[in-house]
Amino acid sequence: MEARYVFNDPWRFVLQVRPHMITHIRMADPELESALQKLQAYKKQPRIRLRIKRLTQGRSYRWRSYREYKNPLKNMPLYRILEAAYNDNI
């Protein structure tokens, strides 16, 4: 089955086929290239990279890194948990 599209106003659409050719070449500027390389090297410094990240993405606070809860009952057998609960309630 073939899909066929019909436009309400066909005069609005004109089929144009243009050749895909390179007509312009950008000239290389050695001063500009060296300045770009210096800027890229500056941005790769760790302190600058962190500063850019903080400015663009903001700070992230992770609650797990500040408050790590350790469950005291994690690896205890059930009878010891019940004994501890019984002894604490008396």
N, C-alpha and C. Protein backbone atom coordinates (compact mmCIF):
# COMPACT_ATOMS: atom_id res chain seq x y z
N MET A 1 0.84 -1.18 0.00
CA MET A 1 0.00 0.00 0.00
C MET A 1 0.89 1.24 0.00
N GLU A 2 0.55 2.19 -0.77
CA GLU A 2 1.37 3.38 -0.96
C GLU A 2 0.65 4.59 -0.39
N ALA A 3 1.36 5.39 0.39
CA ALA A 3 0.77 6.59 0.96
C ALA A 3 0.83 7.71 -0.06
N ARG A 4 -0.25 8.42 -0.17
CA ARG A 4 -0.30 9.53 -1.13
C ARG A 4 -0.88 10.74 -0.42
N TYR A 5 -0.19 11.85 -0.50
CA TYR A 5 -0.61 13.06 0.17
C TYR A 5 -1.11 14.07 -0.86
N VAL A 6 -2.24 14.68 -0.57
CA VAL A 6 -2.82 15.69 -1.45
C VAL A 6 -2.97 16.97 -0.64
N PHE A 7 -2.45 18.06 -1.18
CA PHE A 7 -2.52 19.35 -0.50
C PHE A 7 -3.77 20.10 -0.96
N ASN A 8 -4.32 20.88 -0.02
CA ASN A 8 -5.49 21.69 -0.37
C ASN A 8 -5.12 22.82 -1.31
N ASP A 9 -3.95 23.41 -1.10
CA ASP A 9 -3.49 24.51 -1.94
C ASP A 9 -2.17 24.11 -2.59
N PRO A 10 -2.20 23.40 -3.71
CA PRO A 10 -0.94 22.94 -4.31
C PRO A 10 -0.08 24.07 -4.86
N TRP A 11 -0.65 25.23 -5.09
CA TRP A 11 0.13 26.34 -5.62
C TRP A 11 1.11 26.89 -4.58
N ARG A 12 0.92 26.57 -3.30
CA ARG A 12 1.82 27.04 -2.26
C ARG A 12 3.14 26.27 -2.23
N PHE A 13 3.13 25.08 -2.72
CA PHE A 13 4.29 24.21 -2.65
C PHE A 13 4.91 24.05 -4.02
N VAL A 14 6.21 24.32 -4.10
CA VAL A 14 6.93 24.21 -5.36
C VAL A 14 8.08 23.26 -5.14
N LEU A 15 8.20 22.24 -5.95
CA LEU A 15 9.28 21.27 -5.84
C LEU A 15 10.53 21.86 -6.46
N GLN A 16 11.59 21.95 -5.68
CA GLN A 16 12.85 22.46 -6.19
C GLN A 16 13.94 21.46 -5.87
N VAL A 17 14.75 21.18 -6.85
CA VAL A 17 15.90 20.31 -6.65
C VAL A 17 17.15 21.15 -6.88
N ARG A 18 17.95 21.27 -5.82
CA ARG A 18 19.17 22.05 -5.91
C ARG A 18 20.36 21.13 -5.78
N PRO A 19 21.41 21.38 -6.51
CA PRO A 19 22.60 20.55 -6.36
C PRO A 19 23.28 20.83 -5.02
N HIS A 20 23.81 19.78 -4.43
CA HIS A 20 24.50 19.89 -3.15
C HIS A 20 25.99 20.02 -3.44
N MET A 21 26.43 21.26 -3.55
CA MET A 21 27.82 21.52 -3.90
C MET A 21 28.42 22.50 -2.90
N ILE A 22 29.69 22.36 -2.67
CA ILE A 22 30.41 23.31 -1.82
C ILE A 22 30.83 24.49 -2.70
N THR A 23 30.31 25.65 -2.35
CA THR A 23 30.61 26.83 -3.16
C THR A 23 31.55 27.78 -2.45
N HIS A 24 31.63 27.72 -1.11
CA HIS A 24 32.49 28.63 -0.37
C HIS A 24 33.39 27.83 0.57
N ILE A 25 34.61 28.30 0.75
CA ILE A 25 35.55 27.68 1.67
C ILE A 25 35.93 28.74 2.70
N ARG A 26 35.84 28.39 3.96
CA ARG A 26 36.18 29.33 5.01
C ARG A 26 37.70 29.44 5.11
N MET A 27 38.16 30.66 5.16
CA MET A 27 39.59 30.90 5.25
C MET A 27 40.05 30.65 6.68
N ALA A 28 41.22 30.05 6.83
CA ALA A 28 41.78 29.76 8.15
C ALA A 28 42.50 30.99 8.68
N ASP A 29 42.21 31.32 9.95
CA ASP A 29 42.86 32.44 10.61
C ASP A 29 43.73 31.86 11.73
N PRO A 30 45.04 31.88 11.59
CA PRO A 30 45.90 31.25 12.59
C PRO A 30 45.80 31.91 13.97
N GLU A 31 45.61 33.21 14.04
CA GLU A 31 45.49 33.88 15.33
C GLU A 31 44.21 33.44 16.04
N LEU A 32 43.14 33.35 15.28
CA LEU A 32 41.87 32.91 15.85
C LEU A 32 41.94 31.46 16.31
N GLU A 33 42.58 30.61 15.53
CA GLU A 33 42.73 29.20 15.90
C GLU A 33 43.56 29.05 17.18
N SER A 34 44.64 29.84 17.31
CA SER A 34 45.46 29.74 18.52
C SER A 34 44.69 30.25 19.73
N ALA A 35 43.89 31.30 19.55
CA ALA A 35 43.08 31.80 20.67
C ALA A 35 42.03 30.77 21.08
N LEU A 36 41.44 30.08 20.13
CA LEU A 36 40.47 29.03 20.45
C LEU A 36 41.12 27.87 21.18
N GLN A 37 42.34 27.50 20.78
CA GLN A 37 43.04 26.42 21.47
C GLN A 37 43.40 26.81 22.90
N LYS A 38 43.79 28.06 23.12
CA LYS A 38 44.07 28.53 24.48
C LYS A 38 42.82 28.50 25.34
N LEU A 39 41.70 28.91 24.75
CA LEU A 39 40.44 28.92 25.49
C LEU A 39 40.00 27.50 25.85
N GLN A 40 40.17 26.57 24.92
CA GLN A 40 39.81 25.17 25.19
C GLN A 40 40.70 24.59 26.29
N ALA A 41 41.98 24.91 26.27
CA ALA A 41 42.89 24.43 27.31
C ALA A 41 42.53 25.03 28.67
N TYR A 42 42.12 26.29 28.68
CA TYR A 42 41.72 26.94 29.91
C TYR A 42 40.45 26.31 30.48
N LYS A 43 39.52 25.98 29.61
CA LYS A 43 38.26 25.38 30.06
C LYS A 43 38.45 23.97 30.60
N LYS A 44 39.52 23.30 30.22
CA LYS A 44 39.75 21.93 30.67
C LYS A 44 40.40 21.85 32.04
N GLN A 45 40.80 22.98 32.61
CA GLN A 45 41.37 22.96 33.95
C GLN A 45 40.30 22.54 34.95
N PRO A 46 40.65 21.70 35.93
CA PRO A 46 39.63 21.18 36.85
C PRO A 46 38.85 22.25 37.60
N ARG A 47 39.52 23.27 38.08
CA ARG A 47 38.78 24.29 38.86
C ARG A 47 37.85 25.10 37.96
N ILE A 48 38.26 25.35 36.74
CA ILE A 48 37.42 26.10 35.81
C ILE A 48 36.24 25.23 35.36
N ARG A 49 36.51 23.94 35.12
CA ARG A 49 35.44 23.03 34.72
C ARG A 49 34.37 22.93 35.80
N LEU A 50 34.79 22.85 37.08
CA LEU A 50 33.83 22.79 38.18
C LEU A 50 33.05 24.10 38.31
N ARG A 51 33.73 25.20 38.11
CA ARG A 51 33.06 26.50 38.19
C ARG A 51 32.01 26.65 37.09
N ILE A 52 32.34 26.23 35.88
CA ILE A 52 31.39 26.30 34.77
C ILE A 52 30.21 25.39 35.05
N LYS A 53 30.48 24.19 35.57
CA LYS A 53 29.39 23.27 35.89
C LYS A 53 28.47 23.85 36.96
N ARG A 54 29.05 24.49 37.98
CA ARG A 54 28.23 25.08 39.04
C ARG A 54 27.39 26.23 38.50
N LEU A 55 27.96 27.02 37.59
CA LEU A 55 27.22 28.15 37.04
C LEU A 55 26.10 27.71 36.10
N THR A 56 26.34 26.65 35.33
CA THR A 56 25.34 26.23 34.35
C THR A 56 24.31 25.27 34.93
N GLN A 57 24.72 24.38 35.84
CA GLN A 57 23.80 23.35 36.34
C GLN A 57 23.37 23.60 37.78
N GLY A 58 24.06 24.47 38.49
CA GLY A 58 23.72 24.72 39.88
C GLY A 58 24.35 23.67 40.78
N ARG A 59 24.11 23.82 42.08
CA ARG A 59 24.65 22.85 43.03
C ARG A 59 23.65 21.74 43.24
N SER A 60 24.17 20.59 43.54
CA SER A 60 23.28 19.47 43.84
C SER A 60 23.59 18.99 45.24
N TYR A 61 22.57 18.91 46.06
CA TYR A 61 22.72 18.43 47.42
C TYR A 61 22.14 17.03 47.49
N ARG A 62 22.94 16.10 47.86
CA ARG A 62 22.46 14.73 47.99
C ARG A 62 22.29 14.42 49.46
N TRP A 63 21.10 14.08 49.84
CA TRP A 63 20.82 13.86 51.25
C TRP A 63 21.52 12.61 51.75
N ARG A 64 21.81 11.65 50.90
CA ARG A 64 22.46 10.43 51.35
C ARG A 64 23.91 10.68 51.76
N SER A 65 24.56 11.62 51.08
CA SER A 65 25.96 11.87 51.42
C SER A 65 26.09 12.58 52.76
N TYR A 66 25.06 13.30 53.18
CA TYR A 66 25.13 14.02 54.45
C TYR A 66 24.61 13.19 55.61
N ARG A 67 23.57 12.43 55.39
CA ARG A 67 22.96 11.65 56.46
C ARG A 67 22.86 10.19 56.03
N GLU A 68 23.83 9.44 56.40
CA GLU A 68 23.78 8.02 56.09
C GLU A 68 23.20 7.29 57.28
N TYR A 69 22.05 6.70 57.09
CA TYR A 69 21.37 5.98 58.15
C TYR A 69 21.85 4.54 58.14
N LYS A 70 22.30 4.05 59.29
CA LYS A 70 22.72 2.66 59.40
C LYS A 70 21.71 1.93 60.27
N ASN A 71 21.12 0.93 59.71
CA ASN A 71 20.09 0.16 60.40
C ASN A 71 20.77 -0.80 61.37
N PRO A 72 20.54 -0.66 62.68
CA PRO A 72 21.19 -1.56 63.64
C PRO A 72 20.62 -2.97 63.61
N LEU A 73 19.45 -3.14 63.05
CA LEU A 73 18.82 -4.45 63.01
C LEU A 73 19.05 -5.20 61.71
N LYS A 74 19.92 -4.71 60.88
CA LYS A 74 20.06 -5.24 59.54
C LYS A 74 20.48 -6.71 59.51
N ASN A 75 21.51 -7.09 60.20
CA ASN A 75 22.02 -8.46 60.13
C ASN A 75 21.77 -9.25 61.40
N MET A 76 20.80 -8.81 62.18
CA MET A 76 20.49 -9.53 63.43
C MET A 76 19.41 -10.57 63.17
N PRO A 77 19.51 -11.73 63.80
CA PRO A 77 18.43 -12.71 63.67
C PRO A 77 17.18 -12.23 64.41
N LEU A 78 16.05 -12.80 64.07
CA LEU A 78 14.77 -12.36 64.58
C LEU A 78 14.68 -12.52 66.10
N TYR A 79 15.22 -13.62 66.64
CA TYR A 79 15.08 -13.84 68.08
C TYR A 79 15.84 -12.79 68.87
N ARG A 80 16.99 -12.30 68.34
CA ARG A 80 17.72 -11.24 69.04
C ARG A 80 16.98 -9.90 68.95
N ILE A 81 16.34 -9.65 67.83
CA ILE A 81 15.54 -8.43 67.70
C ILE A 81 14.39 -8.45 68.69
N LEU A 82 13.74 -9.61 68.82
CA LEU A 82 12.62 -9.72 69.75
C LEU A 82 13.11 -9.62 71.20
N GLU A 83 14.27 -10.19 71.51
CA GLU A 83 14.83 -10.07 72.86
C GLU A 83 15.15 -8.62 73.20
N ALA A 84 15.75 -7.92 72.23
CA ALA A 84 16.08 -6.51 72.46
C ALA A 84 14.82 -5.68 72.66
N ALA A 85 13.80 -5.96 71.88
CA ALA A 85 12.53 -5.23 72.03
C ALA A 85 11.88 -5.57 73.37
N TYR A 86 11.94 -6.82 73.80
CA TYR A 86 11.34 -7.21 75.07
C TYR A 86 12.08 -6.57 76.25
N ASN A 87 13.41 -6.54 76.19
CA ASN A 87 14.21 -5.97 77.27
C ASN A 87 14.06 -4.45 77.36
N ASP A 88 13.89 -3.80 76.25
CA ASP A 88 13.74 -2.35 76.25
C ASP A 88 12.38 -1.92 76.78
N ASN A 89 11.36 -2.72 76.57
CA ASN A 89 10.01 -2.36 76.97
C ASN A 89 9.74 -2.63 78.45
N ILE A 90 10.54 -3.44 79.12
CA ILE A 90 10.28 -3.76 80.52
C ILE A 90 10.74 -2.67 81.43
